[in-house]
Amino acid sequence: MSEYKFSFLRSLLTVGMNLMLLASLFVAMYRASLTPENFNITFFKTVFSLIAVILTLFLGGRRLLNRYRPPEP
């Protein structure tokens, strides 16, 4: 894999992770707004469970991408 392609895929992975984290905040706010009396508990349960999954996927993707890293000159 070329250095350009590696850099592009790494940037794409980072942007994808940021978009998924933003989406998880939107989902958590929506779910929490459905039950205003338990807003904080619902929000934190939702956001932390989604963030754990997203970060696990990101770390796995980064590890997989580093396997194909171009050799240093």
PDB file of N, CA and C in Angstrom:
ATOM      1  N   MET A   1       0.846  -1.166   0.000  1.00  0.00           N
ATOM      2  CA  MET A   1       0.000   0.000   0.000  1.00  0.00           C
ATOM      3  C   MET A   1       0.897   1.236   0.000  1.00  0.00           C
ATOM      4  N   SER A   2       0.538   2.205  -0.817  1.00  0.00           N
ATOM      5  CA  SER A   2       1.343   3.418  -0.894  1.00  0.00           C
ATOM      6  C   SER A   2       1.107   4.292   0.336  1.00  0.00           C
ATOM      7  N   GLU A   3       2.027   5.202   0.563  1.00  0.00           N
ATOM      8  CA  GLU A   3       1.918   6.113   1.706  1.00  0.00           C
ATOM      9  C   GLU A   3       0.677   6.999   1.575  1.00  0.00           C
ATOM     10  N   TYR A   4       0.375   7.415   0.344  1.00  0.00           N
ATOM     11  CA  TYR A   4      -0.799   8.264   0.111  1.00  0.00           C
ATOM     12  C   TYR A   4      -2.084   7.519   0.461  1.00  0.00           C
ATOM     13  N   LYS A   5      -2.199   6.290  -0.003  1.00  0.00           N
ATOM     14  CA  LYS A   5      -3.395   5.500   0.262  1.00  0.00           C
ATOM     15  C   LYS A   5      -3.542   5.214   1.752  1.00  0.00           C
ATOM     16  N   PHE A   6      -2.421   4.923   2.413  1.00  0.00           N
ATOM     17  CA  PHE A   6      -2.450   4.672   3.853  1.00  0.00           C
ATOM     18  C   PHE A   6      -2.926   5.914   4.601  1.00  0.00           C
ATOM     19  N   SER A   7      -2.383   7.069   4.233  1.00  0.00           N
ATOM     20  CA  SER A   7      -2.765   8.317   4.886  1.00  0.00           C
ATOM     21  C   SER A   7      -4.238   8.635   4.639  1.00  0.00           C
ATOM     22  N   PHE A   8      -4.691   8.395   3.414  1.00  0.00           N
ATOM     23  CA  PHE A   8      -6.091   8.651   3.078  1.00  0.00           C
ATOM     24  C   PHE A   8      -7.020   7.747   3.879  1.00  0.00           C
ATOM     25  N   LEU A   9      -6.703   6.468   3.963  1.00  0.00           N
ATOM     26  CA  LEU A   9      -7.547   5.532   4.700  1.00  0.00           C
ATOM     27  C   LEU A   9      -7.548   5.832   6.197  1.00  0.00           C
ATOM     28  N   ARG A  10      -6.408   6.253   6.711  1.00  0.00           N
ATOM     29  CA  ARG A  10      -6.348   6.607   8.135  1.00  0.00           C
ATOM     30  C   ARG A  10      -7.196   7.847   8.421  1.00  0.00           C
ATOM     31  N   SER A  11      -7.140   8.830   7.526  1.00  0.00           N
ATOM     32  CA  SER A  11      -7.971  10.023   7.681  1.00  0.00           C
ATOM     33  C   SER A  11      -9.448   9.674   7.559  1.00  0.00           C
ATOM     34  N   LEU A  12      -9.767   8.800   6.623  1.00  0.00           N
ATOM     35  CA  LEU A  12     -11.148   8.367   6.434  1.00  0.00           C
ATOM     36  C   LEU A  12     -11.660   7.637   7.674  1.00  0.00           C
ATOM     37  N   LEU A  13     -10.824   6.825   8.282  1.00  0.00           N
ATOM     38  CA  LEU A  13     -11.189   6.120   9.505  1.00  0.00           C
ATOM     39  C   LEU A  13     -11.452   7.106  10.644  1.00  0.00           C
ATOM     40  N   THR A  14     -10.619   8.119  10.755  1.00  0.00           N
ATOM     41  CA  THR A  14     -10.781   9.115  11.812  1.00  0.00           C
ATOM     42  C   THR A  14     -12.047   9.943  11.613  1.00  0.00           C
ATOM     43  N   VAL A  15     -12.291  10.367  10.389  1.00  0.00           N
ATOM     44  CA  VAL A  15     -13.501  11.145  10.103  1.00  0.00           C
ATOM     45  C   VAL A  15     -14.744  10.292  10.349  1.00  0.00           C
ATOM     46  N   GLY A  16     -14.692   9.027   9.945  1.00  0.00           N
ATOM     47  CA  GLY A  16     -15.818   8.127  10.192  1.00  0.00           C
ATOM     48  C   GLY A  16     -16.089   7.946  11.673  1.00  0.00           C
ATOM     49  N   MET A  17     -15.028   7.825  12.464  1.00  0.00           N
ATOM     50  CA  MET A  17     -15.200   7.683  13.902  1.00  0.00           C
ATOM     51  C   MET A  17     -15.828   8.944  14.493  1.00  0.00           C
ATOM     52  N   ASN A  18     -15.358  10.109  14.066  1.00  0.00           N
ATOM     53  CA  ASN A  18     -15.918  11.360  14.579  1.00  0.00           C
ATOM     54  C   ASN A  18     -17.395  11.500  14.228  1.00  0.00           C
ATOM     55  N   LEU A  19     -17.772  11.115  13.016  1.00  0.00           N
ATOM     56  CA  LEU A  19     -19.180  11.182  12.620  1.00  0.00           C
ATOM     57  C   LEU A  19     -20.032  10.206  13.426  1.00  0.00           C
ATOM     58  N   MET A  20     -19.494   9.019  13.689  1.00  0.00           N
ATOM     59  CA  MET A  20     -20.242   8.053  14.495  1.00  0.00           C
ATOM     60  C   MET A  20     -20.387   8.527  15.940  1.00  0.00           C
ATOM     61  N   LEU A  21     -19.366   9.184  16.481  1.00  0.00           N
ATOM     62  CA  LEU A  21     -19.478   9.717  17.840  1.00  0.00           C
ATOM     63  C   LEU A  21     -20.524  10.823  17.905  1.00  0.00           C
ATOM     64  N   LEU A  22     -20.561  11.665  16.890  1.00  0.00           N
ATOM     65  CA  LEU A  22     -21.567  12.723  16.836  1.00  0.00           C
ATOM     66  C   LEU A  22     -22.968  12.122  16.723  1.00  0.00           C
ATOM     67  N   ALA A  23     -23.109  11.100  15.898  1.00  0.00           N
ATOM     68  CA  ALA A  23     -24.404  10.428  15.757  1.00  0.00           C
ATOM     69  C   ALA A  23     -24.822   9.769  17.071  1.00  0.00           C
ATOM     70  N   SER A  24     -23.861   9.230  17.813  1.00  0.00           N
ATOM     71  CA  SER A  24     -24.205   8.604  19.094  1.00  0.00           C
ATOM     72  C   SER A  24     -24.724   9.647  20.085  1.00  0.00           C
ATOM     73  N   LEU A  25     -24.180  10.852  20.030  1.00  0.00           N
ATOM     74  CA  LEU A  25     -24.703  11.919  20.892  1.00  0.00           C
ATOM     75  C   LEU A  25     -26.134  12.277  20.510  1.00  0.00           C
ATOM     76  N   PHE A  26     -26.411  12.344  19.205  1.00  0.00           N
ATOM     77  CA  PHE A  26     -27.770  12.643  18.758  1.00  0.00           C
ATOM     78  C   PHE A  26     -28.749  11.563  19.206  1.00  0.00           C
ATOM     79  N   VAL A  27     -28.354  10.310  19.053  1.00  0.00           N
ATOM     80  CA  VAL A  27     -29.220   9.196  19.449  1.00  0.00           C
ATOM     81  C   VAL A  27     -29.449   9.218  20.956  1.00  0.00           C
ATOM     82  N   ALA A  28     -28.404   9.468  21.716  1.00  0.00           N
ATOM     83  CA  ALA A  28     -28.541   9.498  23.177  1.00  0.00           C
ATOM     84  C   ALA A  28     -29.444  10.643  23.625  1.00  0.00           C
ATOM     85  N   MET A  29     -29.317  11.800  22.992  1.00  0.00           N
ATOM     86  CA  MET A  29     -30.184  12.931  23.349  1.00  0.00           C
ATOM     87  C   MET A  29     -31.641  12.628  22.996  1.00  0.00           C
ATOM     88  N   TYR A  30     -31.852  11.989  21.857  1.00  0.00           N
ATOM     89  CA  TYR A  30     -33.220  11.640  21.462  1.00  0.00           C
ATOM     90  C   TYR A  30     -33.829  10.640  22.442  1.00  0.00           C
ATOM     91  N   ARG A  31     -33.084   9.581  22.760  1.00  0.00           N
ATOM     92  CA  ARG A  31     -33.609   8.573  23.685  1.00  0.00           C
ATOM     93  C   ARG A  31     -33.861   9.165  25.065  1.00  0.00           C
ATOM     94  N   ALA A  32     -32.983  10.058  25.496  1.00  0.00           N
ATOM     95  CA  ALA A  32     -33.158  10.655  26.821  1.00  0.00           C
ATOM     96  C   ALA A  32     -34.352  11.605  26.846  1.00  0.00           C
ATOM     97  N   SER A  33     -34.640  12.246  25.723  1.00  0.00           N
ATOM     98  CA  SER A  33     -35.770  13.179  25.699  1.00  0.00           C
ATOM     99  C   SER A  33     -37.112  12.453  25.759  1.00  0.00           C
ATOM    100  N   LEU A  34     -37.126  11.164  25.472  1.00  0.00           N
ATOM    101  CA  LEU A  34     -38.380  10.409  25.539  1.00  0.00           C
ATOM    102  C   LEU A  34     -38.821  10.161  26.978  1.00  0.00           C
ATOM    103  N   THR A  35     -37.868  10.130  27.900  1.00  0.00           N
ATOM    104  CA  THR A  35     -38.184   9.949  29.323  1.00  0.00           C
ATOM    105  C   THR A  35     -37.515  11.067  30.115  1.00  0.00           C
ATOM    106  N   PRO A  36     -38.141  12.227  30.201  1.00  0.00           N
ATOM    107  CA  PRO A  36     -37.508  13.375  30.870  1.00  0.00           C
ATOM    108  C   PRO A  36     -37.206  13.146  32.352  1.00  0.00           C
ATOM    109  N   GLU A  37     -37.985  12.298  33.022  1.00  0.00           N
ATOM    110  CA  GLU A  37     -37.734  12.092  34.452  1.00  0.00           C
ATOM    111  C   GLU A  37     -36.461  11.294  34.706  1.00  0.00           C
ATOM    112  N   ASN A  38     -36.023  10.509  33.733  1.00  0.00           N
ATOM    113  CA  ASN A  38     -34.770   9.747  33.847  1.00  0.00           C
ATOM    114  C   ASN A  38     -33.770  10.194  32.792  1.00  0.00           C
ATOM    115  N   PHE A  39     -33.735  11.471  32.518  1.00  0.00           N
ATOM    116  CA  PHE A  39     -32.927  11.987  31.408  1.00  0.00           C
ATOM    117  C   PHE A  39     -31.453  11.619  31.547  1.00  0.00           C
ATOM    118  N   ASN A  40     -30.851  11.940  32.687  1.00  0.00           N
ATOM    119  CA  ASN A  40     -29.411  11.716  32.862  1.00  0.00           C
ATOM    120  C   ASN A  40     -29.036  10.246  32.777  1.00  0.00           C
ATOM    121  N   ILE A  41     -29.787   9.399  33.434  1.00  0.00           N
ATOM    122  CA  ILE A  41     -29.467   7.970  33.428  1.00  0.00           C
ATOM    123  C   ILE A  41     -29.573   7.397  32.023  1.00  0.00           C
ATOM    124  N   THR A  42     -30.658   7.736  31.332  1.00  0.00           N
ATOM    125  CA  THR A  42     -30.848   7.228  29.972  1.00  0.00           C
ATOM    126  C   THR A  42     -29.770   7.751  29.039  1.00  0.00           C
ATOM    127  N   PHE A  43     -29.453   9.031  29.161  1.00  0.00           N
ATOM    128  CA  PHE A  43     -28.435   9.621  28.289  1.00  0.00           C
ATOM    129  C   PHE A  43     -27.084   8.943  28.491  1.00  0.00           C
ATOM    130  N   PHE A  44     -26.656   8.830  29.736  1.00  0.00           N
ATOM    131  CA  PHE A  44     -25.330   8.262  29.999  1.00  0.00           C
ATOM    132  C   PHE A  44     -25.255   6.775  29.646  1.00  0.00           C
ATOM    133  N   LYS A  45     -26.308   6.030  29.902  1.00  0.00           N
ATOM    134  CA  LYS A  45     -26.303   4.613  29.521  1.00  0.00           C
ATOM    135  C   LYS A  45     -26.171   4.459  28.010  1.00  0.00           C
ATOM    136  N   THR A  46     -26.915   5.270  27.285  1.00  0.00           N
ATOM    137  CA  THR A  46     -26.891   5.171  25.822  1.00  0.00           C
ATOM    138  C   THR A  46     -25.563   5.643  25.257  1.00  0.00           C
ATOM    139  N   VAL A  47     -25.112   6.806  25.672  1.00  0.00           N
ATOM    140  CA  VAL A  47     -23.904   7.378  25.063  1.00  0.00           C
ATOM    141  C   VAL A  47     -22.667   6.551  25.402  1.00  0.00           C
ATOM    142  N   PHE A  48     -22.551   6.076  26.627  1.00  0.00           N
ATOM    143  CA  PHE A  48     -21.355   5.312  26.979  1.00  0.00           C
ATOM    144  C   PHE A  48     -21.337   3.932  26.328  1.00  0.00           C
ATOM    145  N   SER A  49     -22.500   3.317  26.182  1.00  0.00           N
ATOM    146  CA  SER A  49     -22.513   2.018  25.505  1.00  0.00           C
ATOM    147  C   SER A  49     -22.181   2.177  24.023  1.00  0.00           C
ATOM    148  N   LEU A  50     -22.681   3.224  23.385  1.00  0.00           N
ATOM    149  CA  LEU A  50     -22.353   3.450  21.973  1.00  0.00           C
ATOM    150  C   LEU A  50     -20.891   3.850  21.794  1.00  0.00           C
ATOM    151  N   ILE A  51     -20.369   4.668  22.688  1.00  0.00           N
ATOM    152  CA  ILE A  51     -18.965   5.087  22.583  1.00  0.00           C
ATOM    153  C   ILE A  51     -18.037   3.886  22.756  1.00  0.00           C
ATOM    154  N   ALA A  52     -18.386   2.971  23.645  1.00  0.00           N
ATOM    155  CA  ALA A  52     -17.545   1.780  23.830  1.00  0.00           C
ATOM    156  C   ALA A  52     -17.475   0.957  22.551  1.00  0.00           C
ATOM    157  N   VAL A  53     -18.603   0.790  21.883  1.00  0.00           N
ATOM    158  CA  VAL A  53     -18.623   0.030  20.629  1.00  0.00           C
ATOM    159  C   VAL A  53     -17.842   0.761  19.540  1.00  0.00           C
ATOM    160  N   ILE A  54     -18.046   2.068  19.424  1.00  0.00           N
ATOM    161  CA  ILE A  54     -17.377   2.853  18.380  1.00  0.00           C
ATOM    162  C   ILE A  54     -15.866   2.853  18.586  1.00  0.00           C
ATOM    163  N   LEU A  55     -15.413   3.039  19.814  1.00  0.00           N
ATOM    164  CA  LEU A  55     -13.971   3.050  20.064  1.00  0.00           C
ATOM    165  C   LEU A  55     -13.348   1.677  19.831  1.00  0.00           C
ATOM    166  N   THR A  56     -14.080   0.617  20.154  1.00  0.00           N
ATOM    167  CA  THR A  56     -13.578  -0.729  19.873  1.00  0.00           C
ATOM    168  C   THR A  56     -13.422  -0.945  18.375  1.00  0.00           C
ATOM    169  N   LEU A  57     -14.416  -0.516  17.605  1.00  0.00           N
ATOM    170  CA  LEU A  57     -14.324  -0.624  16.146  1.00  0.00           C
ATOM    171  C   LEU A  57     -13.179   0.217  15.596  1.00  0.00           C
ATOM    172  N   PHE A  58     -13.001   1.422  16.139  1.00  0.00           N
ATOM    173  CA  PHE A  58     -11.927   2.296  15.675  1.00  0.00           C
ATOM    174  C   PHE A  58     -10.559   1.685  15.967  1.00  0.00           C
ATOM    175  N   LEU A  59     -10.374   1.175  17.169  1.00  0.00           N
ATOM    176  CA  LEU A  59      -9.084   0.583  17.516  1.00  0.00           C
ATOM    177  C   LEU A  59      -8.805  -0.660  16.678  1.00  0.00           C
ATOM    178  N   GLY A  60      -9.837  -1.455  16.429  1.00  0.00           N
ATOM    179  CA  GLY A  60      -9.665  -2.617  15.564  1.00  0.00           C
ATOM    180  C   GLY A  60      -9.335  -2.218  14.136  1.00  0.00           C
ATOM    181  N   GLY A  61     -10.001  -1.191  13.634  1.00  0.00           N
ATOM    182  CA  GLY A  61      -9.718  -0.708  12.282  1.00  0.00           C
ATOM    183  C   GLY A  61      -8.331  -0.126  12.160  1.00  0.00           C
ATOM    184  N   ARG A  62      -7.904   0.603  13.179  1.00  0.00           N
ATOM    185  CA  ARG A  62      -6.559   1.176  13.151  1.00  0.00           C
ATOM    186  C   ARG A  62      -5.496   0.084  13.218  1.00  0.00           C
ATOM    187  N   ARG A  63      -5.770  -0.938  14.013  1.00  0.00           N
ATOM    188  CA  ARG A  63      -4.823  -2.055  14.109  1.00  0.00           C
ATOM    189  C   ARG A  63      -4.732  -2.812  12.786  1.00  0.00           C
ATOM    190  N   LEU A  64      -5.873  -3.023  12.153  1.00  0.00           N
ATOM    191  CA  LEU A  64      -5.902  -3.682  10.850  1.00  0.00           C
ATOM    192  C   LEU A  64      -5.192  -2.834   9.800  1.00  0.00           C
ATOM    193  N   LEU A  65      -5.395  -1.537   9.848  1.00  0.00           N
ATOM    194  CA  LEU A  65      -4.757  -0.640   8.886  1.00  0.00           C
ATOM    195  C   LEU A  65      -3.245  -0.599   9.085  1.00  0.00           C
ATOM    196  N   ASN A  66      -2.786  -0.667  10.320  1.00  0.00           N
ATOM    197  CA  ASN A  66      -1.344  -0.630  10.584  1.00  0.00           C
ATOM    198  C   ASN A  66      -0.625  -1.884  10.096  1.00  0.00           C
ATOM    199  N   ARG A  67      -1.353  -2.976   9.896  1.00  0.00           N
ATOM    200  CA  ARG A  67      -0.728  -4.175   9.329  1.00  0.00           C
ATOM    201  C   ARG A  67      -0.229  -3.918   7.912  1.00  0.00           C
ATOM    202  N   TYR A  68      -0.937  -3.064   7.200  1.00  0.00           N
ATOM    203  CA  TYR A  68      -0.600  -2.786   5.803  1.00  0.00           C
ATOM    204  C   TYR A  68       0.154  -1.476   5.637  1.00  0.00           C
ATOM    205  N   ARG A  69       0.737  -0.990   6.711  1.00  0.00           N
ATOM    206  CA  ARG A  69       1.497   0.257   6.667  1.00  0.00           C
ATOM    207  C   ARG A  69       2.710   0.084   5.759  1.00  0.00           C
ATOM    208  N   PRO A  70       2.994   1.094   4.931  1.00  0.00           N
ATOM    209  CA  PRO A  70       4.169   0.985   4.065  1.00  0.00           C
ATOM    210  C   PRO A  70       5.454   0.987   4.889  1.00  0.00           C
ATOM    211  N   PRO A  71       6.470   0.284   4.429  1.00  0.00           N
ATOM    212  CA  PRO A  71       7.733   0.230   5.182  1.00  0.00           C
ATOM    213  C   PRO A  71       8.430   1.588   5.215  1.00  0.00           C
ATOM    214  N   GLU A  72       9.134   1.820   6.304  1.00  0.00           N
ATOM    215  CA  GLU A  72       9.902   3.063   6.445  1.00  0.00           C
ATOM    216  C   GLU A  72      11.106   3.032   5.509  1.00  0.00           C
ATOM    217  N   PRO A  73      11.443   4.177   4.897  1.00  0.00           N
ATOM    218  CA  PRO A  73      12.612   4.195   3.980  1.00  0.00           C
ATOM    219  C   PRO A  73      13.929   4.158   4.711  1.00  0.00           C
TER     220      PRO A  73
END
